[in-house]
Every structure is written in structure tokens, then in C-alpha cells.
N, C-alpha and C. Protein backbone atom coordinates (compact mmCIF):
# COMPACT_ATOMS: atom_id res chain seq x y z
N MET A 1 0.84 -1.17 0.00
CA MET A 1 0.00 0.00 0.00
C MET A 1 0.89 1.23 0.00
N PRO A 2 0.55 2.23 -0.83
CA PRO A 2 1.40 3.42 -0.85
C PRO A 2 1.29 4.20 0.46
N ALA A 3 2.37 4.90 0.79
CA ALA A 3 2.42 5.66 2.04
C ALA A 3 1.62 6.94 1.95
N SER A 4 1.21 7.35 0.76
CA SER A 4 0.43 8.57 0.63
C SER A 4 -0.76 8.31 -0.31
N ASN A 5 -1.68 9.25 -0.33
CA ASN A 5 -2.86 9.12 -1.20
C ASN A 5 -2.43 9.13 -2.65
N VAL A 6 -3.16 8.33 -3.43
CA VAL A 6 -2.91 8.27 -4.86
C VAL A 6 -4.11 8.88 -5.57
N GLU A 7 -3.85 9.73 -6.46
CA GLU A 7 -4.92 10.36 -7.20
C GLU A 7 -4.91 9.79 -8.62
N ILE A 8 -6.10 9.28 -9.04
CA ILE A 8 -6.23 8.71 -10.37
C ILE A 8 -7.16 9.61 -11.16
N GLU A 9 -6.76 9.95 -12.32
CA GLU A 9 -7.56 10.81 -13.16
C GLU A 9 -7.97 10.02 -14.40
N GLY A 10 -9.20 10.19 -14.83
CA GLY A 10 -9.67 9.49 -16.01
C GLY A 10 -10.88 10.20 -16.59
N SER A 11 -11.31 9.73 -17.73
CA SER A 11 -12.52 10.29 -18.32
C SER A 11 -13.37 9.14 -18.87
N PHE A 12 -14.65 9.35 -18.85
CA PHE A 12 -15.58 8.34 -19.32
C PHE A 12 -16.47 8.97 -20.37
N THR A 13 -16.78 8.20 -21.36
CA THR A 13 -17.68 8.66 -22.41
C THR A 13 -18.93 7.80 -22.36
N ALA A 14 -20.07 8.46 -22.33
CA ALA A 14 -21.34 7.72 -22.29
C ALA A 14 -21.51 6.93 -23.58
N LYS A 15 -22.02 5.75 -23.44
CA LYS A 15 -22.29 4.89 -24.60
C LYS A 15 -23.42 5.52 -25.41
N ILE A 16 -23.27 5.59 -26.73
CA ILE A 16 -24.27 6.28 -27.56
C ILE A 16 -25.29 5.33 -28.19
N ASP A 17 -25.12 4.04 -27.98
CA ASP A 17 -26.06 3.08 -28.59
C ASP A 17 -26.67 2.15 -27.53
N THR A 18 -27.01 2.75 -26.38
CA THR A 18 -27.63 1.98 -25.31
C THR A 18 -29.09 1.72 -25.67
N LYS A 19 -29.52 0.49 -25.49
CA LYS A 19 -30.89 0.12 -25.87
C LYS A 19 -31.89 0.52 -24.78
N TYR A 20 -33.07 0.86 -25.24
CA TYR A 20 -34.24 1.02 -24.36
C TYR A 20 -35.44 0.53 -25.15
N THR A 21 -36.59 0.34 -24.48
CA THR A 21 -37.75 -0.27 -25.12
C THR A 21 -38.97 0.65 -25.05
N VAL A 22 -39.76 0.63 -26.12
CA VAL A 22 -41.07 1.31 -26.14
C VAL A 22 -42.11 0.22 -26.34
N GLU A 23 -43.07 0.14 -25.41
CA GLU A 23 -44.11 -0.88 -25.47
C GLU A 23 -45.47 -0.22 -25.71
N TYR A 24 -46.29 -0.89 -26.54
CA TYR A 24 -47.62 -0.41 -26.88
C TYR A 24 -48.65 -1.41 -26.36
N TYR A 25 -49.65 -0.89 -25.63
CA TYR A 25 -50.71 -1.73 -25.08
C TYR A 25 -52.05 -1.27 -25.66
N TYR A 26 -52.88 -2.24 -26.06
CA TYR A 26 -54.16 -1.93 -26.68
C TYR A 26 -55.31 -2.54 -25.88
N GLN A 27 -56.31 -1.72 -25.65
CA GLN A 27 -57.48 -2.13 -24.88
C GLN A 27 -58.28 -3.19 -25.66
N ILE A 28 -58.74 -4.18 -24.94
CA ILE A 28 -59.62 -5.20 -25.52
C ILE A 28 -60.82 -5.33 -24.59
N ASN A 29 -62.01 -5.12 -25.12
CA ASN A 29 -63.25 -5.17 -24.33
C ASN A 29 -63.15 -4.30 -23.08
N GLY A 30 -62.58 -3.12 -23.24
CA GLY A 30 -62.52 -2.15 -22.15
C GLY A 30 -61.42 -2.38 -21.14
N GLU A 31 -60.56 -3.36 -21.36
CA GLU A 31 -59.49 -3.66 -20.39
C GLU A 31 -58.14 -3.75 -21.09
N TYR A 32 -57.11 -3.38 -20.34
CA TYR A 32 -55.74 -3.52 -20.83
C TYR A 32 -55.17 -4.83 -20.32
N LYS A 33 -54.51 -5.56 -21.20
CA LYS A 33 -53.87 -6.82 -20.82
C LYS A 33 -52.49 -6.52 -20.24
N ASP A 34 -51.95 -7.47 -19.47
CA ASP A 34 -50.63 -7.29 -18.86
C ASP A 34 -49.49 -7.44 -19.87
N THR A 35 -49.76 -8.07 -20.99
CA THR A 35 -48.71 -8.28 -21.98
C THR A 35 -48.80 -7.23 -23.08
N THR A 36 -47.65 -6.82 -23.55
CA THR A 36 -47.59 -5.80 -24.59
C THR A 36 -47.96 -6.38 -25.95
N ALA A 37 -48.59 -5.56 -26.76
CA ALA A 37 -48.97 -5.98 -28.11
C ALA A 37 -47.80 -5.77 -29.07
N ILE A 38 -47.12 -4.65 -28.92
CA ILE A 38 -45.99 -4.31 -29.79
C ILE A 38 -44.85 -3.82 -28.90
N LYS A 39 -43.65 -4.24 -29.23
CA LYS A 39 -42.47 -3.84 -28.47
C LYS A 39 -41.41 -3.38 -29.47
N GLU A 40 -40.89 -2.17 -29.30
CA GLU A 40 -39.84 -1.65 -30.18
C GLU A 40 -38.58 -1.41 -29.36
N THR A 41 -37.44 -1.78 -29.92
CA THR A 41 -36.16 -1.49 -29.29
C THR A 41 -35.55 -0.29 -30.00
N ARG A 42 -35.15 0.70 -29.21
CA ARG A 42 -34.52 1.91 -29.73
C ARG A 42 -33.17 2.09 -29.04
N THR A 43 -32.37 3.02 -29.53
CA THR A 43 -31.08 3.29 -28.90
C THR A 43 -30.91 4.78 -28.66
N GLY A 44 -30.09 5.08 -27.67
CA GLY A 44 -29.77 6.46 -27.34
C GLY A 44 -28.53 6.47 -26.47
N THR A 45 -28.20 7.63 -25.97
CA THR A 45 -27.01 7.81 -25.15
C THR A 45 -27.33 7.54 -23.69
N THR A 46 -26.49 6.72 -23.04
CA THR A 46 -26.67 6.41 -21.62
C THR A 46 -26.78 7.72 -20.83
N GLY A 47 -27.79 7.78 -19.95
CA GLY A 47 -28.01 8.94 -19.11
C GLY A 47 -28.88 10.00 -19.74
N GLU A 48 -29.11 9.91 -21.04
CA GLU A 48 -29.94 10.88 -21.75
C GLU A 48 -31.42 10.66 -21.43
N THR A 49 -32.18 11.76 -21.34
CA THR A 49 -33.62 11.66 -21.17
C THR A 49 -34.26 11.53 -22.55
N VAL A 50 -35.08 10.51 -22.71
CA VAL A 50 -35.79 10.31 -23.97
C VAL A 50 -37.29 10.31 -23.70
N SER A 51 -38.05 10.63 -24.73
CA SER A 51 -39.51 10.67 -24.63
C SER A 51 -40.12 10.00 -25.85
N VAL A 52 -41.36 9.55 -25.69
CA VAL A 52 -42.09 9.05 -26.86
C VAL A 52 -42.38 10.25 -27.75
N THR A 53 -42.61 10.00 -29.01
CA THR A 53 -42.89 11.08 -29.96
C THR A 53 -44.39 11.21 -30.19
N GLU A 54 -44.79 12.31 -30.81
CA GLU A 54 -46.19 12.46 -31.19
C GLU A 54 -46.59 11.36 -32.15
N ASN A 55 -45.68 10.96 -33.02
CA ASN A 55 -45.96 9.88 -33.96
C ASN A 55 -46.24 8.57 -33.20
N ASP A 56 -45.54 8.33 -32.10
CA ASP A 56 -45.79 7.13 -31.29
C ASP A 56 -47.23 7.12 -30.77
N LYS A 57 -47.76 8.29 -30.50
CA LYS A 57 -49.12 8.41 -29.94
C LYS A 57 -50.20 8.29 -31.00
N ASN A 58 -49.81 8.25 -32.26
CA ASN A 58 -50.76 8.23 -33.36
C ASN A 58 -50.97 6.84 -33.95
N GLN A 59 -50.91 5.82 -33.15
CA GLN A 59 -51.16 4.45 -33.60
C GLN A 59 -52.66 4.27 -33.72
N LEU A 60 -53.23 4.61 -34.87
CA LEU A 60 -54.68 4.68 -35.01
C LEU A 60 -55.36 3.34 -35.25
N THR A 61 -54.65 2.37 -35.82
CA THR A 61 -55.27 1.06 -36.02
C THR A 61 -54.32 -0.03 -35.54
N TYR A 62 -54.92 -1.07 -35.03
CA TYR A 62 -54.17 -2.25 -34.60
C TYR A 62 -55.11 -3.44 -34.81
N ASN A 63 -54.64 -4.44 -35.53
CA ASN A 63 -55.47 -5.61 -35.87
C ASN A 63 -56.80 -5.19 -36.51
N GLY A 64 -56.74 -4.15 -37.33
CA GLY A 64 -57.93 -3.70 -38.06
C GLY A 64 -58.93 -2.93 -37.22
N LYS A 65 -58.59 -2.59 -35.99
CA LYS A 65 -59.51 -1.85 -35.12
C LYS A 65 -58.97 -0.45 -34.87
N LYS A 66 -59.88 0.49 -34.57
CA LYS A 66 -59.51 1.88 -34.36
C LYS A 66 -59.15 2.12 -32.89
N TYR A 67 -58.05 2.86 -32.70
CA TYR A 67 -57.59 3.18 -31.35
C TYR A 67 -57.16 4.64 -31.28
N VAL A 68 -57.14 5.17 -30.06
CA VAL A 68 -56.65 6.51 -29.80
C VAL A 68 -55.80 6.44 -28.52
N PHE A 69 -54.74 7.25 -28.48
CA PHE A 69 -53.86 7.27 -27.31
C PHE A 69 -54.67 7.66 -26.08
N ASP A 70 -54.54 6.87 -25.02
CA ASP A 70 -55.28 7.10 -23.76
C ASP A 70 -54.40 7.93 -22.83
N GLN A 71 -54.37 9.24 -23.08
CA GLN A 71 -53.45 10.13 -22.36
C GLN A 71 -53.70 10.19 -20.86
N GLU A 72 -54.89 9.81 -20.42
CA GLU A 72 -55.19 9.88 -18.99
C GLU A 72 -54.89 8.58 -18.25
N TYR A 73 -54.49 7.54 -18.98
CA TYR A 73 -54.24 6.26 -18.32
C TYR A 73 -52.99 6.38 -17.45
N PRO A 74 -53.08 6.06 -16.16
CA PRO A 74 -51.98 6.33 -15.21
C PRO A 74 -50.72 5.49 -15.42
N GLU A 75 -50.78 4.41 -16.18
CA GLU A 75 -49.59 3.57 -16.35
C GLU A 75 -48.75 3.94 -17.57
N ASN A 76 -49.15 5.00 -18.29
CA ASN A 76 -48.29 5.50 -19.37
C ASN A 76 -46.96 5.93 -18.78
N ILE A 77 -45.87 5.58 -19.43
CA ILE A 77 -44.54 6.08 -19.08
C ILE A 77 -44.02 6.70 -20.36
N LEU A 78 -44.05 8.03 -20.42
CA LEU A 78 -43.78 8.73 -21.66
C LEU A 78 -42.35 9.23 -21.81
N SER A 79 -41.58 9.23 -20.71
CA SER A 79 -40.18 9.65 -20.80
C SER A 79 -39.40 9.02 -19.66
N GLY A 80 -38.08 9.03 -19.80
CA GLY A 80 -37.20 8.48 -18.77
C GLY A 80 -35.75 8.61 -19.19
N ASN A 81 -34.85 8.31 -18.24
CA ASN A 81 -33.42 8.36 -18.51
C ASN A 81 -32.94 6.99 -18.96
N ILE A 82 -32.16 6.97 -20.02
CA ILE A 82 -31.63 5.70 -20.54
C ILE A 82 -30.63 5.15 -19.54
N ALA A 83 -30.92 3.95 -19.03
CA ALA A 83 -30.04 3.29 -18.08
C ALA A 83 -28.98 2.51 -18.84
N GLY A 84 -27.78 2.47 -18.31
CA GLY A 84 -26.67 1.78 -18.96
C GLY A 84 -26.94 0.30 -19.19
N ASP A 85 -27.82 -0.29 -18.37
CA ASP A 85 -28.12 -1.72 -18.52
C ASP A 85 -29.27 -1.98 -19.49
N GLY A 86 -29.81 -0.93 -20.12
CA GLY A 86 -30.88 -1.10 -21.10
C GLY A 86 -32.24 -1.40 -20.49
N SER A 87 -32.42 -1.07 -19.22
CA SER A 87 -33.67 -1.44 -18.53
C SER A 87 -34.81 -0.43 -18.70
N LEU A 88 -34.58 0.72 -19.33
CA LEU A 88 -35.65 1.70 -19.48
C LEU A 88 -36.73 1.15 -20.40
N ILE A 89 -37.98 1.24 -19.93
CA ILE A 89 -39.14 0.84 -20.74
C ILE A 89 -40.15 1.99 -20.70
N LEU A 90 -40.46 2.53 -21.88
CA LEU A 90 -41.52 3.53 -22.02
C LEU A 90 -42.78 2.78 -22.44
N LYS A 91 -43.94 3.21 -21.92
CA LYS A 91 -45.19 2.49 -22.18
C LYS A 91 -46.27 3.46 -22.65
N LEU A 92 -46.98 3.05 -23.71
CA LEU A 92 -48.11 3.82 -24.23
C LEU A 92 -49.35 2.93 -24.26
N TYR A 93 -50.47 3.48 -23.81
CA TYR A 93 -51.74 2.73 -23.76
C TYR A 93 -52.75 3.39 -24.70
N PHE A 94 -53.46 2.54 -25.46
CA PHE A 94 -54.41 3.00 -26.46
C PHE A 94 -55.78 2.39 -26.19
N LYS A 95 -56.81 3.25 -26.16
CA LYS A 95 -58.16 2.74 -25.96
C LYS A 95 -58.86 2.60 -27.30
N GLN A 96 -59.69 1.57 -27.39
CA GLN A 96 -60.40 1.29 -28.63
C GLN A 96 -61.51 2.32 -28.83
N GLN A 97 -61.74 2.68 -30.09
CA GLN A 97 -62.77 3.64 -30.46
C GLN A 97 -63.81 2.96 -31.34
N PHE A 98 -65.06 3.38 -31.18
CA PHE A 98 -66.16 2.75 -31.90
C PHE A 98 -67.01 3.79 -32.62
N THR A 99 -67.78 3.31 -33.60
CA THR A 99 -68.70 4.15 -34.36
C THR A 99 -70.09 3.52 -34.33
N VAL A 100 -71.10 4.36 -34.09
CA VAL A 100 -72.50 3.92 -34.14
C VAL A 100 -73.16 4.68 -35.28
N ARG A 101 -73.88 3.93 -36.13
CA ARG A 101 -74.53 4.51 -37.31
C ARG A 101 -76.00 4.10 -37.32
N TYR A 102 -76.86 5.08 -37.61
CA TYR A 102 -78.29 4.82 -37.85
C TYR A 102 -78.54 5.10 -39.32
N THR A 103 -79.16 4.15 -40.02
CA THR A 103 -79.41 4.31 -41.45
C THR A 103 -80.86 3.97 -41.77
N ASP A 104 -81.39 4.53 -42.88
CA ASP A 104 -82.81 4.36 -43.19
C ASP A 104 -83.15 2.99 -43.78
N GLY A 105 -82.18 2.27 -44.32
CA GLY A 105 -82.44 0.93 -44.84
C GLY A 105 -83.23 0.89 -46.12
N VAL A 106 -83.35 2.02 -46.80
CA VAL A 106 -84.12 2.09 -48.04
C VAL A 106 -83.15 2.27 -49.20
N GLU A 107 -83.24 1.39 -50.19
CA GLU A 107 -82.36 1.48 -51.34
C GLU A 107 -82.92 2.46 -52.36
N ASN A 108 -82.03 3.16 -53.04
CA ASN A 108 -82.35 4.09 -54.12
C ASN A 108 -83.21 5.27 -53.68
N GLU A 109 -83.23 5.56 -52.39
CA GLU A 109 -84.01 6.68 -51.87
C GLU A 109 -83.39 7.06 -50.52
N THR A 110 -83.33 8.35 -50.23
CA THR A 110 -82.80 8.80 -48.95
C THR A 110 -83.95 9.35 -48.11
N ILE A 111 -84.28 8.61 -47.07
CA ILE A 111 -85.34 9.05 -46.15
C ILE A 111 -84.75 10.03 -45.15
N PHE A 112 -83.55 9.72 -44.67
CA PHE A 112 -82.80 10.63 -43.82
C PHE A 112 -81.32 10.30 -44.00
N GLU A 113 -80.48 11.30 -43.77
CA GLU A 113 -79.04 11.09 -43.84
C GLU A 113 -78.62 10.20 -42.67
N ASP A 114 -77.69 9.32 -42.93
CA ASP A 114 -77.20 8.47 -41.84
C ASP A 114 -76.75 9.34 -40.68
N LYS A 115 -77.10 8.94 -39.48
CA LYS A 115 -76.63 9.63 -38.28
C LYS A 115 -75.45 8.81 -37.77
N VAL A 116 -74.25 9.40 -37.77
CA VAL A 116 -73.03 8.69 -37.42
C VAL A 116 -72.37 9.38 -36.24
N THR A 117 -72.05 8.59 -35.20
CA THR A 117 -71.31 9.10 -34.05
C THR A 117 -70.05 8.27 -33.91
N SER A 118 -68.90 8.93 -34.03
CA SER A 118 -67.61 8.24 -33.93
C SER A 118 -66.89 8.66 -32.66
N GLY A 119 -65.77 7.98 -32.38
CA GLY A 119 -64.96 8.33 -31.22
C GLY A 119 -65.55 7.88 -29.90
N LEU A 120 -66.40 6.86 -29.95
CA LEU A 120 -67.02 6.35 -28.73
C LEU A 120 -66.10 5.34 -28.05
N ASN A 121 -66.10 5.35 -26.74
CA ASN A 121 -65.29 4.41 -25.96
C ASN A 121 -66.11 3.18 -25.59
N TYR A 122 -65.40 2.13 -25.25
CA TYR A 122 -66.05 0.91 -24.78
C TYR A 122 -66.90 1.24 -23.56
N ASN A 123 -68.13 0.77 -23.56
CA ASN A 123 -69.08 0.93 -22.45
C ASN A 123 -69.68 2.34 -22.33
N ASP A 124 -69.46 3.20 -23.32
CA ASP A 124 -70.19 4.48 -23.36
C ASP A 124 -71.66 4.16 -23.58
N ASP A 125 -72.55 5.08 -23.19
CA ASP A 125 -73.96 4.93 -23.52
C ASP A 125 -74.09 5.03 -25.04
N THR A 126 -74.91 4.17 -25.62
CA THR A 126 -75.15 4.23 -27.06
C THR A 126 -75.90 5.52 -27.38
N PRO A 127 -75.38 6.33 -28.31
CA PRO A 127 -76.11 7.56 -28.66
C PRO A 127 -77.48 7.22 -29.24
N LYS A 128 -78.44 8.02 -28.91
CA LYS A 128 -79.81 7.80 -29.39
C LYS A 128 -79.99 8.46 -30.75
N PHE A 129 -80.92 7.95 -31.52
CA PHE A 129 -81.23 8.55 -32.81
C PHE A 129 -81.99 9.86 -32.61
N GLY A 130 -82.82 9.89 -31.61
CA GLY A 130 -83.70 11.04 -31.40
C GLY A 130 -85.13 10.55 -31.57
N ASN A 131 -86.00 11.40 -32.11
CA ASN A 131 -87.38 10.99 -32.39
C ASN A 131 -87.38 9.91 -33.46
N ASP A 132 -88.44 9.10 -33.46
CA ASP A 132 -88.56 8.07 -34.49
C ASP A 132 -88.52 8.74 -35.87
N PRO A 133 -87.85 8.11 -36.82
CA PRO A 133 -87.81 8.68 -38.17
C PRO A 133 -89.18 8.63 -38.84
N VAL A 134 -89.36 9.48 -39.84
CA VAL A 134 -90.65 9.58 -40.54
C VAL A 134 -90.42 9.29 -42.02
N ARG A 135 -91.32 8.47 -42.57
CA ARG A 135 -91.29 8.16 -44.00
C ARG A 135 -92.73 8.19 -44.50
N ILE A 136 -92.99 8.96 -45.54
CA ILE A 136 -94.35 9.11 -46.07
C ILE A 136 -94.85 7.76 -46.56
N GLY A 137 -96.05 7.39 -46.08
CA GLY A 137 -96.69 6.14 -46.48
C GLY A 137 -96.23 4.92 -45.69
N TYR A 138 -95.36 5.14 -44.72
CA TYR A 138 -94.84 4.02 -43.93
C TYR A 138 -94.86 4.38 -42.46
N GLU A 139 -94.88 3.34 -41.65
CA GLU A 139 -94.77 3.50 -40.21
C GLU A 139 -93.43 2.91 -39.77
N PHE A 140 -92.69 3.68 -38.96
CA PHE A 140 -91.44 3.17 -38.41
C PHE A 140 -91.77 2.10 -37.38
N MET A 141 -91.12 0.92 -37.48
CA MET A 141 -91.40 -0.19 -36.57
C MET A 141 -90.34 -0.34 -35.48
N LYS A 142 -89.06 -0.38 -35.88
CA LYS A 142 -87.98 -0.60 -34.91
C LYS A 142 -86.63 -0.46 -35.63
N TRP A 143 -85.57 -0.54 -34.84
CA TRP A 143 -84.21 -0.60 -35.37
C TRP A 143 -83.74 -2.05 -35.32
N THR A 144 -83.02 -2.47 -36.38
CA THR A 144 -82.43 -3.81 -36.38
C THR A 144 -80.94 -3.67 -36.61
N PRO A 145 -80.13 -4.37 -35.84
CA PRO A 145 -80.53 -5.12 -34.66
C PRO A 145 -81.05 -4.18 -33.57
N GLU A 146 -81.54 -4.74 -32.51
CA GLU A 146 -82.04 -3.94 -31.40
C GLU A 146 -80.90 -3.07 -30.86
N VAL A 147 -81.20 -1.80 -30.57
CA VAL A 147 -80.18 -0.87 -30.10
C VAL A 147 -79.70 -1.29 -28.71
N GLU A 148 -78.38 -1.47 -28.61
CA GLU A 148 -77.77 -1.84 -27.34
C GLU A 148 -77.71 -0.63 -26.41
N GLU A 149 -77.78 -0.88 -25.12
CA GLU A 149 -77.70 0.20 -24.14
C GLU A 149 -76.30 0.79 -24.09
N LYS A 150 -75.28 -0.07 -24.21
CA LYS A 150 -73.88 0.35 -24.11
C LYS A 150 -73.13 0.00 -25.39
N VAL A 151 -72.10 0.79 -25.69
CA VAL A 151 -71.27 0.55 -26.86
C VAL A 151 -70.21 -0.49 -26.50
N THR A 152 -70.17 -1.58 -27.27
CA THR A 152 -69.14 -2.60 -27.07
C THR A 152 -68.46 -2.98 -28.38
N ALA A 153 -68.93 -2.40 -29.48
CA ALA A 153 -68.37 -2.66 -30.81
C ALA A 153 -68.95 -1.62 -31.76
N ASP A 154 -68.40 -1.55 -32.98
CA ASP A 154 -69.03 -0.73 -34.01
C ASP A 154 -70.42 -1.29 -34.25
N ALA A 155 -71.39 -0.42 -34.52
CA ALA A 155 -72.76 -0.90 -34.74
C ALA A 155 -73.45 -0.06 -35.80
N THR A 156 -74.23 -0.74 -36.63
CA THR A 156 -75.10 -0.07 -37.60
C THR A 156 -76.52 -0.53 -37.33
N TYR A 157 -77.39 0.43 -37.05
CA TYR A 157 -78.80 0.16 -36.77
C TYR A 157 -79.61 0.60 -37.98
N VAL A 158 -80.43 -0.31 -38.49
CA VAL A 158 -81.19 -0.07 -39.72
C VAL A 158 -82.68 0.07 -39.38
N ALA A 159 -83.29 1.15 -39.88
CA ALA A 159 -84.72 1.38 -39.65
C ALA A 159 -85.54 0.31 -40.37
N GLN A 160 -86.57 -0.17 -39.69
CA GLN A 160 -87.50 -1.14 -40.27
C GLN A 160 -88.85 -0.44 -40.44
N TRP A 161 -89.43 -0.58 -41.63
CA TRP A 161 -90.64 0.13 -41.99
C TRP A 161 -91.76 -0.84 -42.34
N GLN A 162 -93.00 -0.39 -42.13
CA GLN A 162 -94.17 -1.16 -42.57
C GLN A 162 -95.08 -0.19 -43.32
N ALA A 163 -95.52 -0.62 -44.50
CA ALA A 163 -96.40 0.23 -45.31
C ALA A 163 -97.71 0.46 -44.56
N LYS A 164 -98.19 1.70 -44.60
CA LYS A 164 -99.47 2.03 -43.97
C LYS A 164 -100.60 1.53 -44.86
N LYS A 165 -101.66 1.06 -44.25
CA LYS A 165 -102.84 0.63 -45.00
C LYS A 165 -103.72 1.84 -45.22
N ILE A 166 -104.16 1.98 -46.42
CA ILE A 166 -105.01 3.11 -46.77
C ILE A 166 -106.39 2.57 -47.10
N SER A 167 -107.37 3.11 -46.44
CA SER A 167 -108.75 2.70 -46.70
C SER A 167 -109.40 3.74 -47.60
N ILE A 168 -110.06 3.26 -48.63
CA ILE A 168 -110.75 4.15 -49.56
C ILE A 168 -112.25 3.82 -49.49
N TYR A 169 -113.01 4.83 -49.24
CA TYR A 169 -114.47 4.66 -49.20
C TYR A 169 -115.07 5.36 -50.39
N SER A 170 -116.06 4.74 -50.96
CA SER A 170 -116.76 5.43 -52.03
C SER A 170 -118.26 5.24 -51.81
N LYS A 171 -119.00 6.18 -52.27
CA LYS A 171 -120.44 6.13 -52.10
C LYS A 171 -121.06 5.99 -53.48
N LEU A 172 -121.86 5.03 -53.61
CA LEU A 172 -122.51 4.76 -54.91
C LEU A 172 -123.88 5.45 -54.88
N LEU A 173 -124.09 6.32 -55.82
CA LEU A 173 -125.37 7.04 -55.89
C LEU A 173 -126.21 6.40 -57.00
N LEU A 174 -127.45 6.13 -56.71
CA LEU A 174 -128.37 5.54 -57.70
C LEU A 174 -129.45 6.49 -58.09
């Protein structure tokens, strides 16, 4: 052992290709699963703060379904410092979006413009059409399929009509 203190001088350079992970989670039937749907490996400089991009938040479709970034979900991890061991994981959660459409069900004629409501979340109240639709010479019977109370999928409700019976009276004069 030396009889006096030894001073060692050195310099360190942060690694510029340290891996970190971005994971994407997609809601199914109103719930998030514990396993990630998509996992991306990215690189950056050790100790650097990185964040997800706006493009990362714009994952609009997954498996043919519509999604929107769930910015209020508490388990999102949108930024962090890149750890030298590659353990940083950023997480983004996306909620499924649905569309409800009411249509007149009449071919080659427009009784009313389709009423379309988009951007609905799982388990939202199903938007109502309003007053029963009106068609001259017909009576509105119901929507098919039957209108669900809550939104659980995209839905198209088609008006069902029944022709009104018209009675004609005539008087015969002799």
C-alpha cells in the first residue's frame, strides 16, 4: 500500500447506442392486458432523457380496429433516462374507439341522412337517434338489430318500416 494518497484521473464517455424499449398496449373489451402488443427497441445515449414522440401516440389502427392514445391512463410512461443496462421501458396505452350509425335501410331513396357518431369508448352509452324517423306512407317499426344500451363494438342500426294501410271509401249514388 502506498504511504500517501494516490490520485487517479480518467474520463468516461457515455455509450451512444444503449438500448431502451417502447411498449404499446391496446385495450380489448374495455381492459388492458398485462402483456404488450408491440415492443420496439430503440437506442440512445446512456443517461440521456428520452420521450415518446407524437408519432408514437398516433397508432390509429391495430389488428384492423380503431384506437386513440389514452393520455389519462396512469400507467403510461412517456419519458425516462436511458439506463446503462438497457432497462428503461416507455409504455403507451391505447383505448379502442367505436362508431354507431343509424341508417334508413331504403335502397335508391334517402329518407334521412345516416346519423353517425364516432370516437365512442367501450361501455359508453349508445347515442340515441332522437325521435322516431318519418317516411311518407310508412310506419317506423324498430331498429335492427335492437339498439344496445352500451357501446361494445361498431354498430349499424337499420330502420324497419311497414307500409301504412289506406282505406278508400266510395259512395254509390243511384
